[in-house]
Amino acid sequence: MKQAARECRADGREPLLVPTMGALHEGHLSLVRTARAERGPVVVSVFVNPKQFGPKEDLEKYPRDLVHDRALLEREGAAYVFAPPVEEMYPGGYGTYVEVEGLSTRLEGRVRPGHFRGVTTVVLKLLEIVRPARAYFGRKDAQQARLIQRMARDLNLDAEIIMCPIVREPDGLALSSRNAYLSTEERRAATALYRGLNRARRRTAGGERDAARILADVRETLAKEPLATLDYAELVDAETFEPILFLRGAAYLLVAARFGSTRLIDNLFVEERGGLVTAAL
């Protein structure tokens, strides 16, 4: 992969990177299309990173289908599929990790200790291997994308980190590889995430700025769904991911909940400027 990337750059073609853990869906493919529009050779990594899974998480059952993923990526015109074995990414005696202080211990980092250390470590390795001009991440994992942007800035990396819109099913559920774990009833119940966020979006559009009232829409919607167990719902500053009490500037309403044994996350991006509010689901 390093040799292929060097050859691209020698030919004046800067690689573009889409990091994934495979089990590709339309959300991943939308990132590939965004990258392809930049007209550089698109590298898609397919690597289920063991370093970002906790001891009681779903590493062993995480969906894997490289044959299917390769067929999709060929159809989308990706130039390279980089699917290294674990022992190549983490050889015996491996002991070097990257951690973004502060941001990596909030929200998802609090619920999943060590998760973001594994994410930043593998992403830095991928950026070093491919040396892309840009790397593309989905906004569904907003905290992850922001953390990687911070890492790239702090370590003076050349790659620009691009955050792309969430892709949703017709009923609003954000696309995720973990959606495959849901039973029919859990799949129906999981739309409560979107319904709650959509209620909050309408409330902010109506002029509400108080975080407690905005968050109440999400919490009440999930509380009415018997199959949902809320992990957290927080309104946070879009840069620091610190909780805010009143909406000013750019913010995320972040939510995580379990439906059966499956844990899903989603978010609403909200921005208040000059008394006007825009919101993106």
Protein backbone atom coordinates (compact mmCIF):
# COMPACT_ATOMS: atom_id res chain seq x y z
CA MET A 1 0.00 0.00 0.00
CA LYS A 2 2.82 2.39 0.83
CA GLN A 3 4.49 1.63 -2.49
CA ALA A 4 1.25 2.08 -4.42
CA ALA A 5 0.63 5.43 -2.70
CA ARG A 6 4.18 6.58 -3.48
CA GLU A 7 3.64 5.72 -7.15
CA CYS A 8 0.42 7.74 -7.20
CA ARG A 9 2.17 10.78 -5.79
CA ALA A 10 5.10 10.36 -8.18
CA ASP A 11 2.56 10.54 -11.02
CA GLY A 12 1.11 13.75 -9.58
CA ARG A 13 -2.03 12.04 -8.25
CA GLU A 14 -2.59 12.57 -4.53
CA PRO A 15 -4.39 9.66 -2.85
CA LEU A 16 -7.66 10.20 -0.99
CA LEU A 17 -8.53 7.95 1.96
CA VAL A 18 -11.85 6.54 3.20
CA PRO A 19 -11.17 4.55 6.40
CA THR A 20 -13.77 1.85 7.21
CA MET A 21 -14.19 -1.32 9.23
CA GLY A 22 -15.97 -3.00 6.34
CA ALA A 23 -19.57 -4.32 6.28
CA LEU A 24 -20.05 -1.46 3.84
CA HIS A 25 -23.38 0.30 3.40
CA GLU A 26 -24.65 3.37 1.57
CA GLY A 27 -23.14 5.67 4.18
CA HIS A 28 -19.63 4.37 3.43
CA LEU A 29 -20.28 4.50 -0.30
CA SER A 30 -21.36 8.14 -0.05
CA LEU A 31 -17.89 8.90 1.36
CA VAL A 32 -16.30 7.09 -1.57
CA ARG A 33 -18.38 9.16 -4.02
CA THR A 34 -17.43 12.38 -2.26
CA ALA A 35 -13.77 11.43 -2.50
CA ARG A 36 -14.06 10.37 -6.14
CA ALA A 37 -15.48 13.80 -7.00
CA GLU A 38 -12.05 15.19 -6.05
CA ARG A 39 -10.58 13.11 -8.91
CA GLY A 40 -7.69 11.61 -6.98
CA PRO A 41 -7.16 7.83 -6.60
CA VAL A 42 -9.46 6.70 -3.77
CA VAL A 43 -8.07 4.27 -1.20
CA VAL A 44 -10.63 2.51 1.00
CA SER A 45 -9.24 0.76 4.04
CA VAL A 46 -11.19 -2.24 5.38
CA PHE A 47 -9.86 -3.12 8.81
CA VAL A 48 -11.76 -4.21 11.92
CA ASN A 49 -9.52 -2.54 14.47
CA PRO A 50 -9.27 -4.63 17.65
CA LYS A 51 -7.69 -1.76 19.58
CA GLN A 52 -10.95 0.22 19.66
CA PHE A 53 -13.10 -2.60 21.10
CA GLY A 54 -13.48 -3.09 24.84
CA PRO A 55 -13.25 -6.56 26.44
CA LYS A 56 -17.06 -6.94 26.53
CA GLU A 57 -17.77 -5.43 23.11
CA ASP A 58 -18.64 -7.06 19.80
CA LEU A 59 -15.23 -7.58 18.15
CA GLU A 60 -15.75 -11.26 17.37
CA LYS A 61 -19.26 -10.87 15.95
CA TYR A 62 -18.65 -7.59 14.13
CA PRO A 63 -19.89 -8.18 10.55
CA ARG A 64 -17.21 -9.00 7.98
CA ASP A 65 -17.69 -9.65 4.26
CA LEU A 66 -14.64 -8.56 2.30
CA VAL A 67 -15.82 -10.21 -0.95
CA HIS A 68 -19.03 -8.19 -0.87
CA ASP A 69 -17.18 -5.02 0.16
CA ARG A 70 -14.71 -5.36 -2.70
CA ALA A 71 -17.52 -5.81 -5.21
CA LEU A 72 -19.22 -2.62 -3.98
CA LEU A 73 -15.97 -0.66 -4.10
CA GLU A 74 -15.16 -1.87 -7.59
CA ARG A 75 -18.58 -0.68 -8.70
CA GLU A 76 -17.96 2.72 -7.09
CA GLY A 77 -14.58 3.12 -8.78
CA ALA A 78 -12.27 2.95 -5.77
CA ALA A 79 -8.67 2.63 -6.92
CA TYR A 80 -7.42 0.53 -4.00
CA VAL A 81 -8.84 -1.61 -1.21
CA PHE A 82 -6.40 -1.81 1.69
CA ALA A 83 -7.34 -4.76 3.93
CA PRO A 84 -4.32 -5.64 6.07
CA PRO A 85 -4.31 -8.51 8.59
CA VAL A 86 -4.23 -7.59 12.28
CA GLU A 87 -0.69 -8.95 12.70
CA GLU A 88 0.58 -6.57 10.02
CA MET A 89 -0.97 -3.51 11.65
CA TYR A 90 -0.05 -4.61 15.18
CA PRO A 91 3.00 -6.90 15.02
CA GLY A 92 4.29 -8.73 18.06
CA GLY A 93 5.53 -6.39 20.76
CA TYR A 94 3.44 -3.48 19.50
CA GLY A 95 3.31 -0.77 22.18
CA THR A 96 2.75 2.71 20.66
CA TYR A 97 -0.58 4.53 21.02
CA VAL A 98 -1.96 8.00 20.33
CA GLU A 99 -4.40 9.77 22.62
CA VAL A 100 -6.09 13.16 22.38
CA GLU A 101 -6.43 14.38 25.94
CA GLY A 102 -9.74 15.71 27.20
CA LEU A 103 -11.90 15.19 24.15
CA SER A 104 -11.28 11.42 24.16
CA THR A 105 -12.66 10.93 27.69
CA ARG A 106 -16.07 12.57 27.22
CA LEU A 107 -19.36 11.03 26.04
CA GLU A 108 -18.38 7.98 23.96
CA GLY A 109 -14.97 8.00 25.61
CA ARG A 110 -16.57 7.89 29.04
CA VAL A 111 -18.90 5.03 28.10
CA ARG A 112 -16.21 3.12 26.19
CA PRO A 113 -12.88 3.62 28.01
CA GLY A 114 -9.90 3.25 25.67
CA HIS A 115 -12.07 3.31 22.55
CA PHE A 116 -10.76 6.57 21.16
CA ARG A 117 -7.14 5.67 21.91
CA GLY A 118 -7.64 2.74 19.55
CA VAL A 119 -9.34 4.93 16.95
CA THR A 120 -6.70 7.64 16.87
CA THR A 121 -3.89 5.09 16.82
CA VAL A 122 -5.22 3.20 13.82
CA VAL A 123 -6.21 6.34 11.92
CA LEU A 124 -2.74 7.83 12.41
CA LYS A 125 -1.23 4.59 11.09
CA LEU A 126 -3.55 4.68 8.06
CA LEU A 127 -2.70 8.32 7.37
CA GLU A 128 1.01 7.51 7.58
CA ILE A 129 0.70 4.45 5.31
CA VAL A 130 -1.40 6.13 2.59
CA ARG A 131 -0.29 9.79 3.04
CA PRO A 132 -3.56 11.08 1.56
CA ALA A 133 -4.34 14.68 0.71
CA ARG A 134 -7.72 14.25 2.39
CA ALA A 135 -9.48 11.63 4.51
CA TYR A 136 -13.26 11.33 4.76
CA PHE A 137 -15.37 10.51 7.82
CA GLY A 138 -19.12 10.40 8.41
CA ARG A 139 -20.82 12.85 10.76
CA LYS A 140 -22.77 10.07 12.48
CA ASP A 141 -19.57 9.55 14.49
CA ALA A 142 -19.20 13.29 15.10
CA GLN A 143 -17.05 13.03 18.21
CA GLN A 144 -14.70 10.62 16.45
CA ALA A 145 -14.38 12.89 13.41
CA ARG A 146 -13.75 15.95 15.58
CA LEU A 147 -11.15 14.05 17.61
CA ILE A 148 -9.32 13.03 14.43
CA GLN A 149 -9.40 16.62 13.19
CA ARG A 150 -7.84 17.68 16.50
CA MET A 151 -5.18 14.96 16.25
CA ALA A 152 -4.30 16.05 12.70
CA ARG A 153 -3.98 19.66 13.80
CA ASP A 154 -1.98 18.91 16.94
CA LEU A 155 0.47 16.60 15.15
CA ASN A 156 0.83 18.87 12.09
CA LEU A 157 -0.40 16.17 9.71
CA ASP A 158 -0.69 17.07 6.04
CA ALA A 159 -4.03 15.31 5.47
CA GLU A 160 -7.19 17.40 5.59
CA ILE A 161 -9.93 15.65 7.59
CA ILE A 162 -13.34 16.01 5.92
CA MET A 163 -16.59 15.41 7.82
CA CYS A 164 -19.45 14.31 5.55
CA PRO A 165 -23.25 14.28 6.10
CA ILE A 166 -25.13 11.42 7.77
CA VAL A 167 -26.89 9.03 5.38
CA ARG A 168 -30.25 7.73 6.60
CA GLU A 169 -32.82 5.09 5.81
CA PRO A 170 -36.21 6.35 4.51
CA ASP A 171 -37.59 6.18 8.07
CA GLY A 172 -34.71 8.29 9.40
CA LEU A 173 -32.52 5.65 11.04
CA ALA A 174 -28.85 6.53 10.50
CA LEU A 175 -27.03 3.87 8.50
CA SER A 176 -24.67 1.76 10.61
CA SER A 177 -23.06 -1.64 10.22
CA ARG A 178 -24.50 -2.50 13.64
CA ASN A 179 -28.07 -2.07 12.35
CA ALA A 180 -27.70 -5.65 11.08
CA TYR A 181 -27.83 -6.86 14.71
CA LEU A 182 -31.33 -5.47 15.28
CA SER A 183 -34.38 -7.73 15.36
CA THR A 184 -37.47 -6.59 13.46
CA GLU A 185 -38.96 -5.06 16.61
CA GLU A 186 -35.68 -3.47 17.67
CA ARG A 187 -35.26 -2.03 14.17
CA ARG A 188 -38.69 -0.39 14.46
CA ALA A 189 -37.89 0.89 17.96
CA ALA A 190 -34.54 2.35 16.84
CA THR A 191 -36.32 5.03 14.81
CA ALA A 192 -36.96 6.71 18.18
CA LEU A 193 -33.46 8.18 17.85
CA TYR A 194 -34.42 10.06 14.70
CA ARG A 195 -37.86 10.98 15.98
CA GLY A 196 -36.40 12.49 19.13
CA LEU A 197 -33.75 14.43 17.24
CA ASN A 198 -36.34 15.66 14.76
CA ARG A 199 -38.51 16.95 17.62
CA ALA A 200 -35.47 18.81 18.97
CA ARG A 201 -34.75 20.22 15.51
CA ARG A 202 -38.28 21.63 15.27
CA ARG A 203 -38.01 23.10 18.77
CA THR A 204 -34.77 24.95 17.97
CA ALA A 205 -36.26 26.20 14.69
CA GLY A 206 -39.12 27.61 16.78
CA GLY A 207 -36.69 29.71 18.79
CA GLU A 208 -35.81 27.51 21.78
CA ARG A 209 -32.25 27.99 23.06
CA ASP A 210 -32.41 26.35 26.49
CA ALA A 211 -30.47 23.06 26.41
CA ALA A 212 -32.64 21.33 29.02
CA ARG A 213 -35.81 21.95 27.02
CA ILE A 214 -34.17 20.90 23.75
CA LEU A 215 -32.83 17.69 25.30
CA ALA A 216 -36.20 16.91 26.87
CA ASP A 217 -37.60 16.11 23.40
CA VAL A 218 -35.03 13.38 22.84
CA ARG A 219 -35.24 11.95 26.34
CA GLU A 220 -39.05 11.88 26.36
CA THR A 221 -39.21 10.21 22.96
CA LEU A 222 -36.82 7.46 24.01
CA ALA A 223 -38.50 7.05 27.41
CA LYS A 224 -41.75 6.21 25.60
CA GLU A 225 -40.05 3.42 23.62
CA PRO A 226 -40.04 0.21 25.75
CA LEU A 227 -37.16 -1.37 23.84
CA ALA A 228 -34.86 1.65 24.21
CA THR A 229 -32.35 2.21 27.00
CA LEU A 230 -30.80 5.68 26.89
CA ASP A 231 -27.04 5.94 27.51
CA TYR A 232 -26.87 9.71 27.15
CA ALA A 233 -28.36 12.72 25.40
CA GLU A 234 -26.21 15.86 25.56
CA LEU A 235 -26.01 19.24 23.87
CA VAL A 236 -22.33 20.11 23.45
CA ASP A 237 -20.12 22.74 21.90
CA ALA A 238 -19.12 21.64 18.39
CA GLU A 239 -15.43 22.33 18.98
CA THR A 240 -14.77 21.21 22.54
CA PHE A 241 -17.66 18.74 23.03
CA GLU A 242 -18.18 20.26 26.48
CA PRO A 243 -21.83 20.40 27.62
CA ILE A 244 -23.58 23.74 27.10
CA LEU A 245 -26.62 25.16 28.89
CA PHE A 246 -27.73 27.56 26.19
CA LEU A 247 -27.49 27.34 22.40
CA ARG A 248 -25.04 29.84 20.93
CA GLY A 249 -22.88 29.24 17.89
CA ALA A 250 -22.35 25.68 16.65
CA ALA A 251 -23.37 22.65 18.70
CA TYR A 252 -24.19 18.97 18.50
CA LEU A 253 -27.08 17.21 20.14
CA LEU A 254 -25.55 13.76 20.67
CA VAL A 255 -27.54 10.69 21.64
CA ALA A 256 -26.63 7.05 22.33
CA ALA A 257 -29.08 4.28 23.22
CA ARG A 258 -29.35 0.51 23.34
CA PHE A 259 -32.01 -1.51 21.59
CA GLY A 260 -31.67 -4.99 22.97
CA SER A 261 -27.94 -5.70 22.94
CA THR A 262 -27.24 -3.26 20.10
CA ARG A 263 -25.90 0.18 20.89
CA LEU A 264 -26.54 2.96 18.37
CA ILE A 265 -25.51 6.62 18.21
CA ASP A 266 -26.91 9.59 16.29
CA ASN A 267 -26.72 13.37 16.35
CA LEU A 268 -28.18 16.68 15.26
CA PHE A 269 -25.90 19.56 14.23
CA VAL A 270 -27.31 22.93 15.24
CA GLU A 271 -25.91 26.39 14.60
CA GLU A 272 -27.18 29.71 15.92
CA ARG A 273 -25.90 32.86 14.23
CA GLY A 274 -27.43 36.31 14.59
CA GLY A 275 -30.67 34.93 15.95
CA LEU A 276 -31.10 32.46 13.08
CA VAL A 277 -30.85 28.70 13.61
CA THR A 278 -29.89 26.04 11.08
CA ALA A 279 -30.06 22.36 11.94
CA ALA A 280 -28.87 19.29 10.04
CA LEU A 281 -29.93 15.70 10.63
